[in-house]
C-alpha atoms as a PDB file:
ATOM      1  CA  MET A   1     151.663 -86.041 130.844  1.00  0.00           C
ATOM      2  CA  ARG A   2     151.858 -89.323 128.955  1.00  0.00           C
ATOM      3  CA  ALA A   3     148.976 -88.236 126.712  1.00  0.00           C
ATOM      4  CA  PHE A   4     150.749 -84.946 125.965  1.00  0.00           C
ATOM      5  CA  ILE A   5     153.996 -86.715 125.010  1.00  0.00           C
ATOM      6  CA  LEU A   6     152.062 -89.103 122.775  1.00  0.00           C
ATOM      7  CA  SER A   7     150.306 -86.179 121.049  1.00  0.00           C
ATOM      8  CA  VAL A   8     153.601 -84.399 120.423  1.00  0.00           C
ATOM      9  CA  ALA A   9     155.112 -87.613 119.015  1.00  0.00           C
ATOM     10  CA  ILE A  10     152.184 -88.045 116.626  1.00  0.00           C
ATOM     11  CA  VAL A  11     152.437 -84.437 115.438  1.00  0.00           C
ATOM     12  CA  LEU A  12     156.178 -84.796 114.846  1.00  0.00           C
ATOM     13  CA  MET A  13     155.659 -88.067 112.989  1.00  0.00           C
ATOM     14  CA  VAL A  14     153.013 -86.537 110.719  1.00  0.00           C
ATOM     15  CA  ALA A  15     155.156 -83.448 110.098  1.00  0.00           C
ATOM     16  CA  SER A  16     158.135 -85.636 109.285  1.00  0.00           C
ATOM     17  CA  ASN A  17     156.072 -87.682 106.833  1.00  0.00           C
ATOM     18  CA  VAL A  18     154.829 -84.524 105.095  1.00  0.00           C
ATOM     19  CA  VAL A  19     158.382 -83.267 104.631  1.00  0.00           C
ATOM     20  CA  ALA A  20     159.507 -86.676 103.444  1.00  0.00           C
ATOM     21  CA  GLN A  21     156.827 -86.777 100.759  1.00  0.00           C
ATOM     22  CA  LEU A  22     157.734 -83.427  99.189  1.00  0.00           C
ATOM     23  CA  TRP A  23     159.867 -85.273  96.625  1.00  0.00           C
ATOM     24  CA  ALA A  24     156.674 -86.422  94.869  1.00  0.00           C
ATOM     25  CA  VAL A  25     156.006 -83.974  92.011  1.00  0.00           C
ATOM     26  CA  GLN A  26     153.746 -83.377  89.025  1.00  0.00           C
ATOM     27  CA  VAL A  27     155.417 -83.345  85.605  1.00  0.00           C
ATOM     28  CA  ILE A  28     153.933 -81.394  82.674  1.00  0.00           C
ATOM     29  CA  ASP A  29     155.197 -81.357  79.091  1.00  0.00           C
ATOM     30  CA  THR A  30     154.005 -77.904  78.027  1.00  0.00           C
ATOM     31  CA  THR A  31     154.727 -78.679  74.359  1.00  0.00           C
ATOM     32  CA  THR A  32     152.688 -81.873  73.983  1.00  0.00           C
ATOM     33  CA  GLY A  33     150.327 -81.468  76.942  1.00  0.00           C
ATOM     34  CA  GLY A  34     151.567 -84.690  78.536  1.00  0.00           C
ATOM     35  CA  MET A  35     151.076 -84.959  82.302  1.00  0.00           C
ATOM     36  CA  GLY A  36     152.344 -87.407  84.879  1.00  0.00           C
ATOM     37  CA  SER A  37     154.175 -87.821  88.149  1.00  0.00           C
ATOM     38  CA  GLY A  38     157.822 -87.825  89.165  1.00  0.00           C
ATOM     39  CA  THR A  39     160.394 -88.124  91.938  1.00  0.00           C
ATOM     40  CA  VAL A  40     163.191 -85.785  93.012  1.00  0.00           C
ATOM     41  CA  ILE A  41     166.316 -87.989  92.976  1.00  0.00           C
ATOM     42  CA  ALA A  42     169.110 -85.392  93.311  1.00  0.00           C
ATOM     43  CA  VAL A  43     169.567 -81.883  94.711  1.00  0.00           C
ATOM     44  CA  HIS A  44     172.646 -79.704  94.757  1.00  0.00           C
ATOM     45  CA  ASP A  45     174.043 -78.327  98.026  1.00  0.00           C
ATOM     46  CA  GLN A  46     174.116 -74.694  96.920  1.00  0.00           C
ATOM     47  CA  VAL A  47     170.929 -72.677  97.576  1.00  0.00           C
ATOM     48  CA  GLN A  48     170.151 -69.499  95.636  1.00  0.00           C
ATOM     49  CA  ASP A  49     167.015 -67.457  96.291  1.00  0.00           C
ATOM     50  CA  GLY A  50     165.408 -70.480  97.965  1.00  0.00           C
ATOM     51  CA  TRP A  51     166.121 -72.883  95.064  1.00  0.00           C
ATOM     52  CA  ARG A  52     168.663 -75.602  94.286  1.00  0.00           C
ATOM     53  CA  TYR A  53     169.531 -77.433  91.087  1.00  0.00           C
ATOM     54  CA  GLY A  54     167.997 -80.878  90.991  1.00  0.00           C
ATOM     55  CA  ILE A  55     166.951 -83.907  88.959  1.00  0.00           C
ATOM     56  CA  VAL A  56     163.484 -85.441  88.680  1.00  0.00           C
ATOM     57  CA  ALA A  57     162.963 -89.011  87.458  1.00  0.00           C
ATOM     58  CA  THR A  58     159.787 -89.662  85.465  1.00  0.00           C
ATOM     59  CA  ALA A  59     158.498 -91.802  82.589  1.00  0.00           C
ATOM     60  CA  SER A  60     159.882 -91.128  79.127  1.00  0.00           C
ATOM     61  CA  HIS A  61     156.407 -91.190  77.571  1.00  0.00           C
ATOM     62  CA  VAL A  62     155.303 -88.348  79.876  1.00  0.00           C
ATOM     63  CA  THR A  63     158.085 -86.091  78.577  1.00  0.00           C
ATOM     64  CA  GLU A  64     158.172 -86.644  74.826  1.00  0.00           C
ATOM     65  CA  SER A  65     159.703 -83.176  74.372  1.00  0.00           C
ATOM     66  CA  THR A  66     163.310 -82.431  75.294  1.00  0.00           C
ATOM     67  CA  SER A  67     162.603 -78.976  76.711  1.00  0.00           C
ATOM     68  CA  GLY A  68     159.573 -77.033  77.871  1.00  0.00           C
ATOM     69  CA  ILE A  69     159.016 -79.339  80.846  1.00  0.00           C
ATOM     70  CA  GLN A  70     157.367 -77.951  83.990  1.00  0.00           C
ATOM     71  CA  ILE A  71     157.752 -79.460  87.458  1.00  0.00           C
ATOM     72  CA  VAL A  72     155.061 -78.635  90.024  1.00  0.00           C
ATOM     73  CA  PHE A  73     155.901 -79.292  93.674  1.00  0.00           C
ATOM     74  CA  GLU A  74     153.509 -80.169  96.481  1.00  0.00           C
ATOM     75  CA  ASN A  75     153.831 -76.710  98.046  1.00  0.00           C
ATOM     76  CA  GLY A  76     152.413 -75.151  94.853  1.00  0.00           C
ATOM     77  CA  ARG A  77     155.717 -73.802  93.584  1.00  0.00           C
ATOM     78  CA  SER A  78     156.825 -74.705  90.097  1.00  0.00           C
ATOM     79  CA  SER A  79     160.032 -74.870  88.102  1.00  0.00           C
ATOM     80  CA  SER A  80     159.583 -74.049  84.432  1.00  0.00           C
ATOM     81  CA  LYS A  81     161.717 -74.348  81.299  1.00  0.00           C
ATOM     82  CA  CYS A  82     163.154 -77.622  82.582  1.00  0.00           C
ATOM     83  CA  SER A  83     164.722 -80.096  80.152  1.00  0.00           C
ATOM     84  CA  VAL A  84     165.424 -83.797  79.738  1.00  0.00           C
ATOM     85  CA  ILE A  85     169.115 -84.644  80.258  1.00  0.00           C
ATOM     86  CA  GLU A  86     168.935 -88.464  80.095  1.00  0.00           C
ATOM     87  CA  ARG A  87     166.422 -90.768  78.429  1.00  0.00           C
ATOM     88  CA  ASP A  88     165.896 -94.534  78.095  1.00  0.00           C
ATOM     89  CA  ARG A  89     162.876 -95.132  75.874  1.00  0.00           C
ATOM     90  CA  GLN A  90     163.088 -98.911  76.074  1.00  0.00           C
ATOM     91  CA  ASN A  91     162.717 -98.865  79.847  1.00  0.00           C
ATOM     92  CA  ASP A  92     160.491 -95.735  79.768  1.00  0.00           C
ATOM     93  CA  ILE A  93     162.655 -93.492  81.973  1.00  0.00           C
ATOM     94  CA  ALA A  94     163.613 -89.832  81.646  1.00  0.00           C
ATOM     95  CA  LEU A  95     165.679 -87.610  83.937  1.00  0.00           C
ATOM     96  CA  VAL A  96     164.684 -83.937  83.969  1.00  0.00           C
ATOM     97  CA  ARG A  97     166.909 -81.152  85.260  1.00  0.00           C
ATOM     98  CA  CYS A  98     165.095 -78.384  87.108  1.00  0.00           C
ATOM     99  CA  LEU A  99     165.218 -76.066  90.082  1.00  0.00           C
ATOM    100  CA  VAL A 100     164.004 -77.528  93.379  1.00  0.00           C
ATOM    101  CA  PRO A 101     162.752 -75.596  96.461  1.00  0.00           C
ATOM    102  CA  GLU A 102     165.333 -75.726  99.237  1.00  0.00           C
ATOM    103  CA  ASN A 103     163.100 -77.667 101.655  1.00  0.00           C
ATOM    104  CA  VAL A 104     162.674 -80.600  99.236  1.00  0.00           C
ATOM    105  CA  ARG A 105     164.924 -83.607  99.750  1.00  0.00           C
ATOM    106  CA  ALA A 106     165.885 -86.262  97.247  1.00  0.00           C
ATOM    107  CA  VAL A 107     164.941 -89.936  97.452  1.00  0.00           C
ATOM    108  CA  ALA A 108     167.821 -92.414  97.474  1.00  0.00           C
ATOM    109  CA  ILE A 109     168.007 -94.956  94.649  1.00  0.00           C
ATOM    110  CA  SER A 110     168.082 -98.549  95.852  1.00  0.00           C
ATOM    111  CA  ASP A 111     171.092-100.763  95.175  1.00  0.00           C
ATOM    112  CA  VAL A 112     168.872-103.806  95.707  1.00  0.00           C
ATOM    113  CA  PRO A 113     166.423-104.748  92.929  1.00  0.00           C
ATOM    114  CA  ALA A 114     162.907-105.994  93.618  1.00  0.00           C
ATOM    115  CA  VAL A 115     162.381-109.747  93.269  1.00  0.00           C
ATOM    116  CA  GLU A 116     159.355-112.003  93.142  1.00  0.00           C
ATOM    117  CA  GLY A 117     157.294-111.817  96.320  1.00  0.00           C
ATOM    118  CA  ASP A 118     158.512-108.362  97.407  1.00  0.00           C
ATOM    119  CA  THR A 119     155.846-105.887  98.470  1.00  0.00           C
ATOM    120  CA  ILE A 120     156.593-102.534  96.882  1.00  0.00           C
ATOM    121  CA  SER A 121     155.046 -99.105  97.335  1.00  0.00           C
ATOM    122  CA  TYR A 122     153.858 -96.684  94.678  1.00  0.00           C
ATOM    123  CA  VAL A 123     153.269 -92.931  94.725  1.00  0.00           C
ATOM    124  CA  GLY A 124     151.320 -91.732  91.710  1.00  0.00           C
ATOM    125  CA  ARG A 125     148.911 -88.993  90.732  1.00  0.00           C
ATOM    126  CA  GLY A 126     148.323 -86.455  93.505  1.00  0.00           C
ATOM    127  CA  ARG A 127     150.580 -88.484  95.835  1.00  0.00           C
ATOM    128  CA  ARG A 128     148.190 -91.440  95.560  1.00  0.00           C
ATOM    129  CA  LYS A 129     149.860 -94.159  97.660  1.00  0.00           C
ATOM    130  CA  PHE A 130     149.293 -97.881  97.246  1.00  0.00           C
ATOM    131  CA  THR A 131     151.161-101.191  97.413  1.00  0.00           C
ATOM    132  CA  GLY A 132     151.465-104.358  95.343  1.00  0.00           C
ATOM    133  CA  ASP A 133     153.326-107.654  95.240  1.00  0.00           C
ATOM    134  CA  VAL A 134     155.960-108.336  92.587  1.00  0.00           C
ATOM    135  CA  SER A 135     154.946-111.193  90.283  1.00  0.00           C
ATOM    136  CA  CYS A 136     157.140-113.910  88.797  1.00  0.00           C
ATOM    137  CA  LEU A 137     157.897-111.444  85.969  1.00  0.00           C
ATOM    138  CA  ALA A 138     160.802-109.817  87.788  1.00  0.00           C
ATOM    139  CA  PHE A 139     163.980-109.102  85.846  1.00  0.00           C
ATOM    140  CA  ASP A 140     167.094-106.946  86.235  1.00  0.00           C
ATOM    141  CA  ASP A 141     165.501-104.146  84.207  1.00  0.00           C
ATOM    142  CA  GLU A 142     161.741-104.730  84.522  1.00  0.00           C
ATOM    143  CA  ILE A 143     159.128-105.793  87.071  1.00  0.00           C
ATOM    144  CA  TRP A 144     155.390-106.452  87.041  1.00  0.00           C
ATOM    145  CA  ALA A 145     153.147-106.206  90.086  1.00  0.00           C
ATOM    146  CA  ASP A 146     149.553-106.776  91.103  1.00  0.00           C
ATOM    147  CA  VAL A 147     148.507-103.103  90.990  1.00  0.00           C
ATOM    148  CA  VAL A 148     146.201-100.848  88.974  1.00  0.00           C
ATOM    149  CA  PHE A 149     147.375 -97.515  87.560  1.00  0.00           C
ATOM    150  CA  VAL A 150     145.190 -94.558  86.603  1.00  0.00           C
ATOM    151  CA  PRO A 151     145.969 -91.618  84.270  1.00  0.00           C
ATOM    152  CA  GLY A 152     148.534 -89.374  85.922  1.00  0.00           C
ATOM    153  CA  ASP A 153     150.307 -92.192  87.789  1.00  0.00           C
ATOM    154  CA  SER A 154     152.835 -92.578  84.960  1.00  0.00           C
ATOM    155  CA  GLY A 155     156.320 -91.553  86.033  1.00  0.00           C
ATOM    156  CA  GLY A 156     155.518 -91.865  89.734  1.00  0.00           C
ATOM    157  CA  SER A 157     157.689 -93.482  92.380  1.00  0.00           C
ATOM    158  CA  VAL A 158     158.199 -97.221  92.824  1.00  0.00           C
ATOM    159  CA  LEU A 159     159.720 -97.842  96.250  1.00  0.00           C
ATOM    160  CA  LEU A 160     161.282-100.798  98.031  1.00  0.00           C
ATOM    161  CA  ASN A 161     161.994-100.238 101.734  1.00  0.00           C
ATOM    162  CA  GLY A 162     161.726 -96.479 101.240  1.00  0.00           C
ATOM    163  CA  LYS A 163     164.227 -96.327  98.370  1.00  0.00           C
ATOM    164  CA  LEU A 164     163.479 -95.763  94.699  1.00  0.00           C
ATOM    165  CA  ILE A 165     163.756 -98.790  92.421  1.00  0.00           C
ATOM    166  CA  GLY A 166     161.945 -97.400  89.392  1.00  0.00           C
ATOM    167  CA  VAL A 167     159.253 -95.203  87.850  1.00  0.00           C
ATOM    168  CA  ILE A 168     155.689 -96.189  86.964  1.00  0.00           C
ATOM    169  CA  SER A 169     155.361 -97.017  83.283  1.00  0.00           C
ATOM    170  CA  GLY A 170     151.895 -98.425  82.649  1.00  0.00           C
ATOM    171  CA  GLY A 171     150.116-101.745  82.419  1.00  0.00           C
ATOM    172  CA  LEU A 172     149.543-104.694  80.142  1.00  0.00           C
ATOM    173  CA  ARG A 173     145.793-104.177  79.772  1.00  0.00           C
ATOM    174  CA  TRP A 174     143.941-100.911  79.256  1.00  0.00           C
ATOM    175  CA  ALA A 175     140.385-100.349  80.451  1.00  0.00           C
ATOM    176  CA  PRO A 176     139.139 -97.310  78.452  1.00  0.00           C
ATOM    177  CA  ASN A 177     135.831 -96.900  80.272  1.00  0.00           C
ATOM    178  CA  GLU A 178     135.478 -95.021  83.528  1.00  0.00           C
ATOM    179  CA  PRO A 179     137.318 -95.406  85.764  1.00  0.00           C
ATOM    180  CA  ARG A 180     140.163 -95.581  83.226  1.00  0.00           C
ATOM    181  CA  ARG A 181     143.034 -97.774  84.377  1.00  0.00           C
ATOM    182  CA  THR A 182     145.813-100.123  83.319  1.00  0.00           C
ATOM    183  CA  TYR A 183     146.769-103.433  84.963  1.00  0.00           C
ATOM    184  CA  PRO A 184     148.825-105.344  85.946  1.00  0.00           C
ATOM    185  CA  GLY A 185     151.393-102.631  86.663  1.00  0.00           C
ATOM    186  CA  ARG A 186     154.749-102.367  84.905  1.00  0.00           C
ATOM    187  CA  SER A 187     157.852-100.412  85.893  1.00  0.00           C
ATOM    188  CA  ASN A 188     161.575-100.640  85.383  1.00  0.00           C
ATOM    189  CA  ASN A 189     163.703-102.313  88.037  1.00  0.00           C
ATOM    190  CA  THR A 190     166.746-100.662  89.629  1.00  0.00           C
ATOM    191  CA  GLN A 191     169.400-101.249  86.965  1.00  0.00           C
ATOM    192  CA  PRO A 192     168.378 -98.869  84.111  1.00  0.00           C
ATOM    193  CA  LEU A 193     167.490 -96.102  86.568  1.00  0.00           C
ATOM    194  CA  ARG A 194     170.882 -96.435  88.249  1.00  0.00           C
ATOM    195  CA  ILE A 195     172.666 -96.277  84.873  1.00  0.00           C
ATOM    196  CA  LEU A 196     170.964 -92.992  83.932  1.00  0.00           C
ATOM    197  CA  TYR A 197     171.529 -91.525  87.396  1.00  0.00           C
ATOM    198  CA  ASP A 198     175.248 -92.390  87.417  1.00  0.00           C
ATOM    199  CA  ARG A 199     175.647 -90.925  83.939  1.00  0.00           C
ATOM    200  CA  ALA A 200     173.976 -87.673  85.002  1.00  0.00           C
ATOM    201  CA  MET A 201     176.130 -87.433  88.119  1.00  0.00           C
ATOM    202  CA  LYS A 202     179.282 -87.941  86.082  1.00  0.00           C
ATOM    203  CA  SER A 203     178.439 -85.353  83.428  1.00  0.00           C
ATOM    204  CA  LYS A 204     177.180 -82.737  85.930  1.00  0.00           C
ATOM    205  CA  ALA A 205     174.990 -81.383  83.121  1.00  0.00           C
ATOM    206  CA  TRP A 206     172.194 -80.701  85.598  1.00  0.00           C
ATOM    207  CA  ILE A 207     174.216 -78.124  87.566  1.00  0.00           C
ATOM    208  CA  GLY A 208     174.627 -74.576  86.313  1.00  0.00           C
ATOM    209  CA  ASN A 209     172.865 -72.068  84.125  1.00  0.00           C
ATOM    210  CA  GLN A 210     171.550 -74.656  81.663  1.00  0.00           C
ATOM    211  CA  THR A 211     168.368 -74.770  83.754  1.00  0.00           C
ATOM    212  CA  GLN A 212     166.222 -71.667  83.759  1.00  0.00           C
ATOM    213  CA  SER A 213     163.255 -70.832  85.911  1.00  0.00           C
ATOM    214  CA  SER A 214     160.508 -68.316  85.565  1.00  0.00           C
ATOM    215  CA  LYS A 215     158.660 -66.508  88.278  1.00  0.00           C
ATOM    216  CA  SER A 216     156.787 -69.080  90.351  1.00  0.00           C
ATOM    217  CA  ILE A 217     153.016 -68.617  90.372  1.00  0.00           C
ATOM    218  CA  LYS A 218     151.797 -69.638  93.804  1.00  0.00           C
ATOM    219  CA  PHE A 219     148.622 -71.696  94.128  1.00  0.00           C
ATOM    220  CA  LYS A 220     146.958 -71.490  97.531  1.00  0.00           C
ATOM    221  CA  ASP A 221     143.709 -72.488  99.173  1.00  0.00           C
ATOM    222  CA  TYR A 222     141.483 -69.588 100.193  1.00  0.00           C
ATOM    223  CA  GLU A 223     141.963 -68.061 103.629  1.00  0.00           C
ATOM    224  CA  ALA A 224     140.273 -65.089 105.257  1.00  0.00           C
ATOM    225  CA  GLY A 225     141.791 -61.850 103.972  1.00  0.00           C
ATOM    226  CA  ASP A 226     142.928 -63.245 100.614  1.00  0.00           C
ATOM    227  CA  LEU A 227     140.324 -61.261  98.692  1.00  0.00           C
ATOM    228  CA  ASP A 228     141.811 -57.975  99.931  1.00  0.00           C
ATOM    229  CA  TYR A 229     145.227 -58.815  98.483  1.00  0.00           C
ATOM    230  CA  ASP A 230     146.935 -55.757  96.967  1.00  0.00           C
ATOM    231  CA  GLY A 231     148.593 -57.485  94.001  1.00  0.00           C
ATOM    232  CA  LEU A 232     147.193 -59.059  90.855  1.00  0.00           C
ATOM    233  CA  GLN A 233     145.635 -62.465  91.495  1.00  0.00           C
ATOM    234  CA  LEU A 234     143.147 -65.007  90.199  1.00  0.00           C
ATOM    235  CA  VAL A 235     140.360 -66.176  92.500  1.00  0.00           C
ATOM    236  CA  VAL A 236     139.078 -69.509  91.197  1.00  0.00           C
ATOM    237  CA  PHE A 237     135.791 -70.828  92.603  1.00  0.00           C
ATOM    238  CA  SER A 238     135.831 -74.600  92.122  1.00  0.00           C
ATOM    239  CA  ALA A 239     134.722 -77.916  93.598  1.00  0.00           C
ATOM    240  CA  SER A 240     136.705 -81.083  94.245  1.00  0.00           C
ATOM    241  CA  TRP A 241     134.180 -83.157  92.253  1.00  0.00           C
ATOM    242  CA  CYS A 242     134.178 -80.792  89.240  1.00  0.00           C
ATOM    243  CA  ASN A 243     136.218 -82.125  86.290  1.00  0.00           C
ATOM    244  CA  PRO A 244     136.228 -78.806  84.346  1.00  0.00           C
ATOM    245  CA  CYS A 245     137.628 -77.191  87.521  1.00  0.00           C
ATOM    246  CA  LYS A 246     140.451 -79.726  87.615  1.00  0.00           C
ATOM    247  CA  ASN A 247     141.146 -79.152  83.924  1.00  0.00           C
ATOM    248  CA  LEU A 248     141.326 -75.392  84.400  1.00  0.00           C
ATOM    249  CA  LYS A 249     143.737 -75.635  87.328  1.00  0.00           C
ATOM    250  CA  ALA A 250     145.946 -78.041  85.375  1.00  0.00           C
ATOM    251  CA  GLU A 251     145.945 -75.693  82.374  1.00  0.00           C
ATOM    252  CA  LEU A 252     146.812 -72.693  84.553  1.00  0.00           C
ATOM    253  CA  ARG A 253     149.773 -74.626  85.953  1.00  0.00           C
ATOM    254  CA  ARG A 254     150.787 -75.561  82.429  1.00  0.00           C
ATOM    255  CA  GLN A 255     150.674 -71.898  81.373  1.00  0.00           C
ATOM    256  CA  SER A 256     152.671 -70.699  84.389  1.00  0.00           C
ATOM    257  CA  ASP A 257     155.316 -68.983  82.230  1.00  0.00           C
ATOM    258  CA  LYS A 258     152.712 -66.988  80.356  1.00  0.00           C
ATOM    259  CA  LEU A 259     150.847 -66.022  83.516  1.00  0.00           C
ATOM    260  CA  ALA A 260     154.084 -64.690  85.002  1.00  0.00           C
ATOM    261  CA  GLU A 261     154.492 -62.412  81.979  1.00  0.00           C
ATOM    262  CA  TYR A 262     151.171 -60.794  82.900  1.00  0.00           C
ATOM    263  CA  ARG A 263     152.588 -59.881  86.332  1.00  0.00           C
ATOM    264  CA  LEU A 264     150.218 -62.251  88.081  1.00  0.00           C
ATOM    265  CA  ASP A 265     151.262 -62.900  91.682  1.00  0.00           C
ATOM    266  CA  ARG A 266     149.186 -65.890  92.716  1.00  0.00           C
ATOM    267  CA  ILE A 267     146.103 -68.033  92.224  1.00  0.00           C
ATOM    268  CA  VAL A 268     143.663 -68.476  95.108  1.00  0.00           C
ATOM    269  CA  VAL A 269     141.381 -71.515  94.924  1.00  0.00           C
ATOM    270  CA  VAL A 270     138.023 -71.295  96.734  1.00  0.00           C
ATOM    271  CA  ASP A 271     136.328 -74.628  97.450  1.00  0.00           C
ATOM    272  CA  VAL A 272     132.633 -73.836  97.040  1.00  0.00           C
ATOM    273  CA  ASP A 273     131.596 -76.764  99.216  1.00  0.00           C
ATOM    274  CA  VAL A 274     133.615 -75.330 102.104  1.00  0.00           C
ATOM    275  CA  HIS A 275     132.909 -71.644 101.404  1.00  0.00           C
ATOM    276  CA  SER A 276     129.365 -71.786 100.038  1.00  0.00           C
ATOM    277  CA  LYS A 277     128.435 -68.473 101.677  1.00  0.00           C
ATOM    278  CA  LEU A 278     131.295 -66.688  99.913  1.00  0.00           C
ATOM    279  CA  ALA A 279     130.299 -68.242  96.579  1.00  0.00           C
ATOM    280  CA  LYS A 280     126.760 -66.947  97.101  1.00  0.00           C
ATOM    281  CA  GLU A 281     128.032 -63.459  97.978  1.00  0.00           C
ATOM    282  CA  TRP A 282     130.063 -63.393  94.758  1.00  0.00           C
ATOM    283  CA  GLN A 283     127.064 -64.713  92.800  1.00  0.00           C
ATOM    284  CA  VAL A 284     128.883 -67.792  91.574  1.00  0.00           C
ATOM    285  CA  ARG A 285     126.409 -70.114  89.860  1.00  0.00           C
ATOM    286  CA  MET A 286     128.668 -72.288  87.692  1.00  0.00           C
ATOM    287  CA  TYR A 287     132.017 -73.961  88.264  1.00  0.00           C
ATOM    288  CA  PRO A 288     134.690 -73.008  87.657  1.00  0.00           C
ATOM    289  CA  THR A 289     134.222 -69.249  87.841  1.00  0.00           C
ATOM    290  CA  THR A 290     137.357 -67.109  87.963  1.00  0.00           C
ATOM    291  CA  PHE A 291     137.734 -63.524  89.127  1.00  0.00           C
ATOM    292  CA  ILE A 292     140.731 -61.331  88.383  1.00  0.00           C
ATOM    293  CA  THR A 293     141.326 -58.992  91.316  1.00  0.00           C
ATOM    294  CA  LYS A 294     143.789 -56.188  91.907  1.00  0.00           C
ATOM    295  CA  LYS A 295     144.170 -54.084  95.020  1.00  0.00           C
ATOM    296  CA  GLY A 296     141.153 -55.883  96.421  1.00  0.00           C
ATOM    297  CA  GLN A 297     138.946 -54.842  93.492  1.00  0.00           C
ATOM    298  CA  ARG A 298     137.328 -57.177  90.963  1.00  0.00           C
ATOM    299  CA  GLU A 299     138.732 -56.392  87.525  1.00  0.00           C
ATOM    300  CA  ALA A 300     136.991 -59.161  85.571  1.00  0.00           C
ATOM    301  CA  ARG A 301     134.926 -62.328  85.809  1.00  0.00           C
ATOM    302  CA  VAL A 302     135.351 -65.429  83.625  1.00  0.00           C
ATOM    303  CA  ALA A 303     132.844 -68.298  83.778  1.00  0.00           C
ATOM    304  CA  GLY A 304     133.993 -71.671  82.497  1.00  0.00           C
ATOM    305  CA  ALA A 305     137.242 -73.563  82.089  1.00  0.00           C
ATOM    306  CA  SER A 306     138.953 -71.456  79.402  1.00  0.00           C
ATOM    307  CA  ALA A 307     142.460 -70.472  80.456  1.00  0.00           C
ATOM    308  CA  ASN A 308     142.809 -68.555  77.161  1.00  0.00           C
ATOM    309  CA  ASP A 309     139.908 -66.254  78.072  1.00  0.00           C
ATOM    310  CA  ILE A 310     141.573 -65.536  81.408  1.00  0.00           C
ATOM    311  CA  MET A 311     144.932 -64.776  79.779  1.00  0.00           C
ATOM    312  CA  ASN A 312     143.355 -62.499  77.162  1.00  0.00           C
ATOM    313  CA  ILE A 313     141.825 -60.405  79.919  1.00  0.00           C
ATOM    314  CA  LEU A 314     145.096 -60.388  81.870  1.00  0.00           C
ATOM    315  CA  ALA A 315     146.857 -59.125  78.732  1.00  0.00           C
ATOM    316  CA  LYS A 316     144.382 -56.217  78.469  1.00  0.00           C
ATOM    317  CA  ILE A 317     144.824 -55.354  82.138  1.00  0.00           C
ATOM    318  CA  GLY A 318     148.592 -55.400  81.699  1.00  0.00           C
ATOM    319  CA  SER A 319     148.469 -53.114  78.664  1.00  0.00           C
ATOM    320  CA  GLN A 320     146.384 -50.600  80.616  1.00  0.00           C
ATOM    321  CA  ASP A 321     149.038 -50.516  83.343  1.00  0.00           C
ATOM    322  CA  ASP A 322     151.760 -49.868  80.751  1.00  0.00           C
END
């Protein structure tokens, strides 16, 4: 009985942690191609069609454009046509208004700044979690810590006792060779983030029809039966170690608006290391290889990491339906 209770407690703890981490998002500037991380810091109470208005904090240098920002959540859903409502270039912070899935909660902003000797937590690219100690360079608006950032960490969460004190900015030194990284780590401290947040709350510019969303293209890992799906879908054969595969998936997320216009329902990702037999059956010999399927039938095959080739074929399929 004791073992059963312990197992249930562990499951609940893990489930709770997963829910709690849903505020960590990917931020894409579809105009410039900039990519980084972000944190949901506000959500509105009203839910419509499973979405709520919200605000994401990220780094200003990730979102050089004012509009055309895309927010990708951990459950694969995305909010497109988002826009920057507050910006502080000096402290490298931007607040982006968007639509947030109803199960995503916001992280509270700390009233207490980090000081020398504090151990703070970071959540960067792909929810990469790590910790570091604040150095003697700790000010009201800026802190430095003994951490190493990698591309994609920019804009991610900087946490003190579970509350947000800033967003990841970058580092003093840049190592251009693989693995690329910057160190020591720099971020803003609580004060400038709090100023932008309070200003956004006061203006209420993030609530209402100023934020638009497009149809959300769902990304999902392959499961049995997915290949018989009746709607229009992409089936992407890829590997976790394959950089062109990662680039293709990032580009498909970036082009979510355009994909929605082609009446695409979802994107199914097949890990060839896990489903090697399926890859062999479909005669996949290079990665990534993408199939366009409809009503369980293969409409087209695209080898390589060109999202444009995929969209050109989708456009032809759509014109045939019209």
